[in-house]
């Protein structure tokens, strides 16, 4: 996990392409079992959806001073994670724009395992408080 304290998010100075704090974690059996129980699917292969890689990185990088709302999410699943493998997440601000007098930020994240296998790509559209 990142070592620096989160900074205040400023829409005006946020840059497209700005990298967010990377992080990593290991998927354990208990997390996988809890996910499968919560979705009532004993074979649910993608517990990483519950982690919200893009939002996690955003709030590790910035204080929760944004009063933002999740206006939409897209997730592409490529390979299911393997128990005991380290998962590494990188993310960035991929876009920002105004719609209906509200500022939006798009955050993208990519998760790969320790063997370099692509697990998932996520994209969240956050409507920010003007």
Protein backbone atom coordinates (compact mmCIF):
# COMPACT_ATOMS: atom_id res chain seq x y z
CA UNK A 1 0.00 0.00 0.00
CA UNK A 2 1.09 3.55 -0.56
CA UNK A 3 3.01 5.31 2.17
CA UNK A 4 2.14 8.96 1.61
CA UNK A 5 -0.99 10.49 3.15
CA UNK A 6 -3.83 11.26 0.75
CA UNK A 7 -3.92 14.76 -0.69
CA UNK A 8 -6.96 16.92 -1.38
CA UNK A 9 -8.51 16.35 -4.78
CA UNK A 10 -8.73 19.47 -6.95
CA UNK A 11 -10.65 19.01 -10.18
CA UNK A 12 -9.07 22.05 -11.81
CA UNK A 13 -5.50 20.86 -11.32
CA UNK A 14 -6.14 17.12 -11.84
CA UNK A 15 -4.43 16.03 -15.04
CA UNK A 16 -5.56 13.48 -17.60
CA UNK A 17 -3.05 10.64 -17.40
CA UNK A 18 -2.23 11.39 -13.76
CA UNK A 19 -1.13 8.16 -12.08
CA UNK A 20 -2.81 7.21 -8.81
CA UNK A 21 -1.09 5.37 -5.98
CA UNK A 22 -0.42 1.74 -6.98
CA UNK A 23 -1.13 -1.00 -4.47
CA UNK A 24 -1.04 -4.76 -4.09
CA UNK A 25 -2.66 -7.46 -2.00
CA UNK A 26 -2.91 -11.23 -1.82
CA UNK A 27 -6.22 -12.96 -2.47
CA UNK A 28 -6.91 -15.38 0.39
CA UNK A 29 -9.30 -18.32 0.59
CA UNK A 30 -11.50 -16.54 3.16
CA UNK A 31 -12.05 -13.54 0.84
CA UNK A 32 -12.97 -15.83 -2.03
CA UNK A 33 -15.35 -17.87 0.13
CA UNK A 34 -16.99 -14.72 1.54
CA UNK A 35 -17.46 -13.32 -1.96
CA UNK A 36 -19.01 -16.53 -3.24
CA UNK A 37 -21.35 -16.69 -0.27
CA UNK A 38 -22.42 -13.05 -0.70
CA UNK A 39 -23.27 -13.50 -4.39
CA UNK A 40 -24.81 -16.92 -3.75
CA UNK A 41 -22.58 -18.54 -6.36
CA UNK A 42 -20.33 -21.35 -5.08
CA UNK A 43 -18.19 -21.05 -8.23
CA UNK A 44 -18.05 -17.22 -8.52
CA UNK A 45 -14.69 -16.66 -10.20
CA UNK A 46 -14.14 -12.88 -9.85
CA UNK A 47 -14.08 -11.77 -6.19
CA UNK A 48 -11.95 -8.80 -7.23
CA UNK A 49 -15.14 -6.99 -8.31
CA UNK A 50 -15.81 -6.37 -4.61
CA UNK A 51 -12.46 -4.57 -4.22
CA UNK A 52 -13.33 -1.77 -6.67
CA UNK A 53 -9.72 -1.34 -7.77
CA UNK A 54 -10.26 2.07 -9.37
CA UNK A 55 -12.13 3.61 -6.45
CA UNK A 56 -9.70 2.10 -3.94
CA UNK A 57 -6.77 3.71 -5.75
CA UNK A 58 -8.59 7.06 -6.01
CA UNK A 59 -9.25 7.21 -2.27
CA UNK A 60 -5.75 6.02 -1.41
CA UNK A 61 -4.42 8.95 -3.44
CA UNK A 62 -6.98 11.61 -2.53
CA UNK A 63 -8.85 12.46 0.65
CA UNK A 64 -12.55 11.73 0.57
CA UNK A 65 -13.33 15.44 0.21
CA UNK A 66 -14.79 15.08 -3.25
CA UNK A 67 -18.48 14.59 -2.46
CA UNK A 68 -18.51 12.60 -5.69
CA UNK A 69 -21.12 10.18 -6.91
CA UNK A 70 -20.48 7.03 -8.92
CA UNK A 71 -22.18 7.89 -12.22
CA UNK A 72 -21.26 4.60 -13.90
CA UNK A 73 -18.79 1.75 -13.98
CA UNK A 74 -17.41 -0.61 -16.60
CA UNK A 75 -15.51 -3.79 -15.76
CA UNK A 76 -13.74 -6.16 -18.14
CA UNK A 77 -12.86 -9.54 -16.66
CA UNK A 78 -9.97 -11.35 -18.35
CA UNK A 79 -8.67 -14.10 -16.03
CA UNK A 80 -9.94 -15.19 -12.62
CA UNK A 81 -7.50 -14.50 -9.78
CA UNK A 82 -5.72 -17.43 -8.13
CA UNK A 83 -5.78 -17.86 -4.34
CA UNK A 84 -2.45 -16.99 -2.76
CA UNK A 85 -1.21 -14.93 -5.70
CA UNK A 86 -0.29 -11.29 -5.28
CA UNK A 87 -2.52 -8.85 -7.19
CA UNK A 88 -0.97 -5.58 -8.34
CA UNK A 89 -3.15 -2.60 -9.25
CA UNK A 90 -2.19 0.48 -11.24
CA UNK A 91 -4.61 3.27 -12.07
CA UNK A 92 -4.88 6.73 -13.53
CA UNK A 93 -7.23 9.57 -14.28
CA UNK A 94 -8.07 8.84 -17.90
CA UNK A 95 -10.48 11.70 -18.61
CA UNK A 96 -12.32 14.64 -17.14
CA UNK A 97 -15.16 16.65 -18.57
CA UNK A 98 -18.23 18.74 -17.76
CA UNK A 99 -21.81 17.57 -18.38
CA UNK A 100 -24.98 19.33 -17.26
CA UNK A 101 -22.90 21.86 -15.29
CA UNK A 102 -21.19 19.11 -13.26
CA UNK A 103 -17.54 18.05 -13.43
CA UNK A 104 -16.77 14.38 -14.09
CA UNK A 105 -13.59 12.38 -13.60
CA UNK A 106 -12.94 9.00 -15.20
CA UNK A 107 -10.64 6.66 -13.27
CA UNK A 108 -9.24 3.52 -14.89
CA UNK A 109 -7.47 0.65 -13.14
CA UNK A 110 -5.69 -2.49 -14.32
CA UNK A 111 -5.13 -5.51 -12.07
CA UNK A 112 -2.54 -8.16 -12.88
CA UNK A 113 -1.27 -11.04 -10.78
CA UNK A 114 2.33 -11.74 -9.80
CA UNK A 115 2.77 -13.82 -12.97
CA UNK A 116 1.71 -10.90 -15.16
CA UNK A 117 -1.73 -12.35 -16.01
CA UNK A 118 -4.27 -9.62 -16.75
CA UNK A 119 -7.17 -10.07 -14.32
CA UNK A 120 -9.40 -7.11 -14.95
CA UNK A 121 -9.75 -3.56 -16.22
CA UNK A 122 -12.15 -1.18 -14.52
CA UNK A 123 -13.38 2.29 -15.37
CA UNK A 124 -15.51 4.48 -13.12
CA UNK A 125 -17.19 7.74 -14.04
CA UNK A 126 -17.41 9.98 -10.95
CA UNK A 127 -19.62 13.05 -10.94
CA UNK A 128 -17.86 15.52 -8.67
CA UNK A 129 -19.30 18.34 -6.64
CA UNK A 130 -18.73 21.61 -8.56
